[in-house]
Amino acid sequence: MLNAIVLAGGRSSRFGTDKAFVKVGGSTIIESLLFPLSLIFEKIIVVTNHAEKFQKFPVELVEDRIKGLGPLAGLHSGLLASDQQRNFVVACDMPLLNPRLIQYICSVPYGQIVVPRIKDKVEPLHAVYSKACIPIIEEQIASGDYKIQNSFGKADVCYVEEEAIRKFDPSLTSFLNINLQKDLKKIVSCL
């Protein structure tokens, strides 16, 4: 059994407004994300610095324990809050999740981190993290290194390669995220 952890603590500074609540195809991005997750996971933890915005959703709300350090701090807070050893972690700006791909990634039985890799690019915010990563993350934070991928060299990592990913998501739309207004147009064109 795994929990899902949604990282929704970002400032959305490049996008200009809170991305989680932008409408895409009739639903907000967070609604588009929570629906497929609710089909797979009993518990969904949303890590946010604005809990009041997420009150209406059937999720557990957690605030960043260390504010202002980005996704690594959100990952840390989510793992600490989870009652499961392994957790599927996703960013709140990825509205085209593929449930079958998520189930496949979650079914990989080994690795403290199970992360998709497409060519040489990893997708650290669409991955499984074990609570065994907590001390690695804490060491990183203490050293002032806030890039999630930098923890990969210190953990047991299993990469899910592009060939396996494309069996579930041939066009790789699961990994499309929204940082800029033009990204929103690309997402809408995939609906």
Protein backbone atom coordinates (compact mmCIF):
# COMPACT_ATOMS: atom_id res chain seq x y z
CA MET A 1 0.00 0.00 0.00
CA LEU A 2 1.30 3.43 -0.96
CA ASN A 3 0.06 6.95 -0.34
CA ALA A 4 0.09 9.73 -2.90
CA ILE A 5 1.82 12.99 -2.04
CA VAL A 6 0.94 16.07 -4.10
CA LEU A 7 3.38 18.98 -3.89
CA ALA A 8 1.33 22.17 -4.11
CA GLY A 9 3.47 24.64 -2.21
CA GLY A 10 4.97 26.56 -5.11
CA ARG A 11 4.55 30.28 -5.64
CA SER A 12 3.64 29.92 -9.35
CA SER A 13 5.76 33.03 -9.98
CA ARG A 14 6.46 32.23 -13.65
CA PHE A 15 2.80 31.44 -14.35
CA GLY A 16 1.43 34.51 -12.58
CA THR A 17 -1.42 32.85 -10.62
CA ASP A 18 -1.94 29.71 -8.54
CA LYS A 19 -1.65 26.95 -11.15
CA ALA A 20 -3.54 24.39 -9.10
CA PHE A 21 -6.80 26.30 -9.53
CA VAL A 22 -6.55 27.19 -13.22
CA LYS A 23 -9.34 25.61 -15.29
CA VAL A 24 -8.35 23.14 -17.99
CA GLY A 25 -11.14 21.44 -19.92
CA GLY A 26 -13.84 22.21 -17.37
CA SER A 27 -11.90 21.18 -14.25
CA THR A 28 -9.18 22.85 -12.25
CA ILE A 29 -5.71 21.38 -12.54
CA ILE A 30 -5.87 20.09 -8.97
CA GLU A 31 -9.22 18.38 -9.67
CA SER A 32 -7.77 16.81 -12.83
CA LEU A 33 -4.88 15.51 -10.77
CA LEU A 34 -6.78 14.31 -7.69
CA PHE A 35 -9.34 12.27 -9.63
CA PRO A 36 -6.93 9.67 -11.09
CA LEU A 37 -4.97 9.58 -7.84
CA SER A 38 -8.18 8.83 -5.89
CA LEU A 39 -8.74 5.78 -8.10
CA ILE A 40 -5.39 4.33 -7.03
CA PHE A 41 -4.58 5.57 -3.52
CA GLU A 42 -6.59 5.41 -0.31
CA LYS A 43 -4.79 8.42 1.12
CA ILE A 44 -3.68 11.54 -0.72
CA ILE A 45 -1.49 14.03 1.13
CA VAL A 46 -1.31 17.56 -0.27
CA VAL A 47 1.72 19.55 0.89
CA THR A 48 0.88 23.24 0.66
CA ASN A 49 1.47 26.56 2.34
CA HIS A 50 -2.16 27.51 1.63
CA ALA A 51 -4.22 24.77 3.29
CA GLU A 52 -7.38 26.91 3.20
CA LYS A 53 -7.48 26.61 -0.61
CA PHE A 54 -7.62 22.81 -0.47
CA GLN A 55 -10.13 22.36 2.39
CA LYS A 56 -12.92 21.15 0.10
CA PHE A 57 -10.96 18.15 -1.18
CA PRO A 58 -10.89 14.74 0.56
CA VAL A 59 -7.15 14.91 1.23
CA GLU A 60 -4.82 15.19 4.19
CA LEU A 61 -3.28 18.66 4.28
CA VAL A 62 0.29 19.19 5.41
CA GLU A 63 2.28 22.42 5.52
CA ASP A 64 5.94 22.61 4.57
CA ARG A 65 7.95 22.12 7.74
CA ILE A 66 10.69 24.25 6.20
CA LYS A 67 9.22 27.02 4.06
CA GLY A 68 10.75 28.59 0.98
CA LEU A 69 13.04 25.74 -0.08
CA GLY A 70 10.97 24.41 -2.98
CA PRO A 71 9.96 20.87 -3.91
CA LEU A 72 12.68 19.16 -1.83
CA ALA A 73 11.21 20.63 1.37
CA GLY A 74 7.72 19.63 0.22
CA LEU A 75 8.90 16.09 -0.43
CA HIS A 76 10.47 16.01 3.03
CA SER A 77 7.26 17.23 4.70
CA GLY A 78 5.12 14.77 2.75
CA LEU A 79 7.30 11.78 3.58
CA LEU A 80 7.34 12.72 7.27
CA ALA A 81 3.53 12.98 7.28
CA SER A 82 2.93 9.70 5.47
CA ASP A 83 2.06 6.53 7.35
CA GLN A 84 3.34 4.39 4.46
CA GLN A 85 6.92 3.39 3.71
CA ARG A 86 6.61 4.05 -0.04
CA ASN A 87 4.81 7.03 -1.58
CA PHE A 88 4.00 8.22 -5.08
CA VAL A 89 4.99 11.89 -5.34
CA VAL A 90 3.69 14.25 -8.00
CA ALA A 91 3.69 18.00 -8.65
CA CYS A 92 0.33 19.79 -8.61
CA ASP A 93 0.83 21.14 -12.13
CA MET A 94 0.64 17.83 -14.04
CA PRO A 95 -3.04 17.45 -15.03
CA LEU A 96 -2.67 14.61 -17.56
CA LEU A 97 -1.73 11.77 -15.24
CA ASN A 98 -2.10 8.24 -16.57
CA PRO A 99 -3.40 5.87 -13.85
CA ARG A 100 -1.97 2.76 -15.54
CA LEU A 101 1.49 4.32 -15.71
CA ILE A 102 1.30 5.36 -12.06
CA GLN A 103 0.29 1.83 -11.07
CA TYR A 104 3.19 0.42 -13.06
CA ILE A 105 5.72 2.77 -11.44
CA CYS A 106 4.29 1.94 -8.01
CA SER A 107 4.52 -1.80 -8.70
CA VAL A 108 8.31 -1.74 -9.07
CA PRO A 109 9.28 -3.62 -5.89
CA TYR A 110 12.81 -2.30 -5.38
CA GLY A 111 14.59 1.02 -5.03
CA GLN A 112 14.33 3.77 -2.44
CA ILE A 113 13.40 5.94 -5.40
CA VAL A 114 11.60 4.72 -8.52
CA VAL A 115 11.78 7.45 -11.14
CA PRO A 116 10.89 7.70 -14.84
CA ARG A 117 13.74 8.51 -17.20
CA ILE A 118 13.14 9.67 -20.76
CA LYS A 119 16.36 9.80 -22.72
CA ASP A 120 18.67 11.43 -20.14
CA LYS A 121 15.95 13.43 -18.35
CA VAL A 122 14.45 12.17 -15.10
CA GLU A 123 10.99 13.07 -13.83
CA PRO A 124 11.55 13.48 -10.07
CA LEU A 125 8.04 14.82 -9.45
CA HIS A 126 6.28 11.77 -10.90
CA ALA A 127 8.08 9.13 -8.87
CA VAL A 128 8.01 6.81 -5.87
CA TYR A 129 10.03 7.76 -2.79
CA SER A 130 10.65 5.64 0.28
CA LYS A 131 10.73 7.08 3.78
CA ALA A 132 14.33 5.80 3.77
CA CYS A 133 15.07 8.97 1.77
CA ILE A 134 14.24 11.23 4.74
CA PRO A 135 17.78 11.28 6.22
CA ILE A 136 19.26 11.82 2.76
CA ILE A 137 16.93 14.78 2.19
CA GLU A 138 17.67 16.20 5.65
CA GLU A 139 21.40 16.02 4.96
CA GLN A 140 20.85 17.79 1.64
CA ILE A 141 18.77 20.56 3.22
CA ALA A 142 21.37 21.05 5.96
CA SER A 143 24.07 21.48 3.30
CA GLY A 144 22.00 24.05 1.36
CA ASP A 145 21.44 21.76 -1.64
CA TYR A 146 17.75 21.91 -2.62
CA LYS A 147 17.74 20.05 -5.95
CA ILE A 148 15.78 16.79 -5.66
CA GLN A 149 17.88 14.99 -8.28
CA ASN A 150 21.01 15.47 -6.18
CA SER A 151 19.63 12.95 -3.69
CA PHE A 152 19.68 10.24 -6.36
CA GLY A 153 23.42 9.65 -5.97
CA LYS A 154 22.95 8.82 -2.29
CA ALA A 155 19.90 6.56 -2.62
CA ASP A 156 19.11 3.22 -4.23
CA VAL A 157 17.41 4.38 -7.43
CA CYS A 158 15.47 2.31 -9.95
CA TYR A 159 14.93 4.06 -13.28
CA VAL A 160 11.80 3.29 -15.29
CA GLU A 161 12.99 3.70 -18.85
CA GLU A 162 11.18 5.33 -21.77
CA GLU A 163 10.41 2.04 -23.54
CA ALA A 164 8.44 0.78 -20.52
CA ILE A 165 6.76 4.17 -20.02
CA ARG A 166 5.55 4.36 -23.63
CA LYS A 167 3.67 1.06 -23.21
CA PHE A 168 1.29 2.97 -20.93
CA ASP A 169 1.67 6.53 -22.19
CA PRO A 170 2.82 6.50 -25.85
CA SER A 171 2.86 10.29 -26.21
CA LEU A 172 4.36 10.92 -22.72
CA THR A 173 1.61 13.41 -21.83
CA SER A 174 1.75 12.35 -18.17
CA PHE A 175 4.88 14.43 -17.79
CA LEU A 176 3.53 17.67 -19.25
CA ASN A 177 3.45 20.33 -16.60
CA ILE A 178 2.47 23.96 -16.49
CA ASN A 179 5.04 26.64 -15.76
CA LEU A 180 4.08 29.27 -18.33
CA GLN A 181 0.87 30.33 -20.09
CA LYS A 182 2.10 28.64 -23.30
CA ASP A 183 2.32 25.33 -21.40
CA LEU A 184 -1.38 25.64 -20.61
CA LYS A 185 -2.18 25.86 -24.33
CA LYS A 186 -0.17 22.70 -24.97
CA ILE A 187 -2.06 20.85 -22.21
CA VAL A 188 -5.43 21.97 -23.62
CA SER A 189 -4.41 20.71 -27.08
CA CYS A 190 -3.82 17.24 -25.59
CA LEU A 191 -7.32 16.95 -24.11
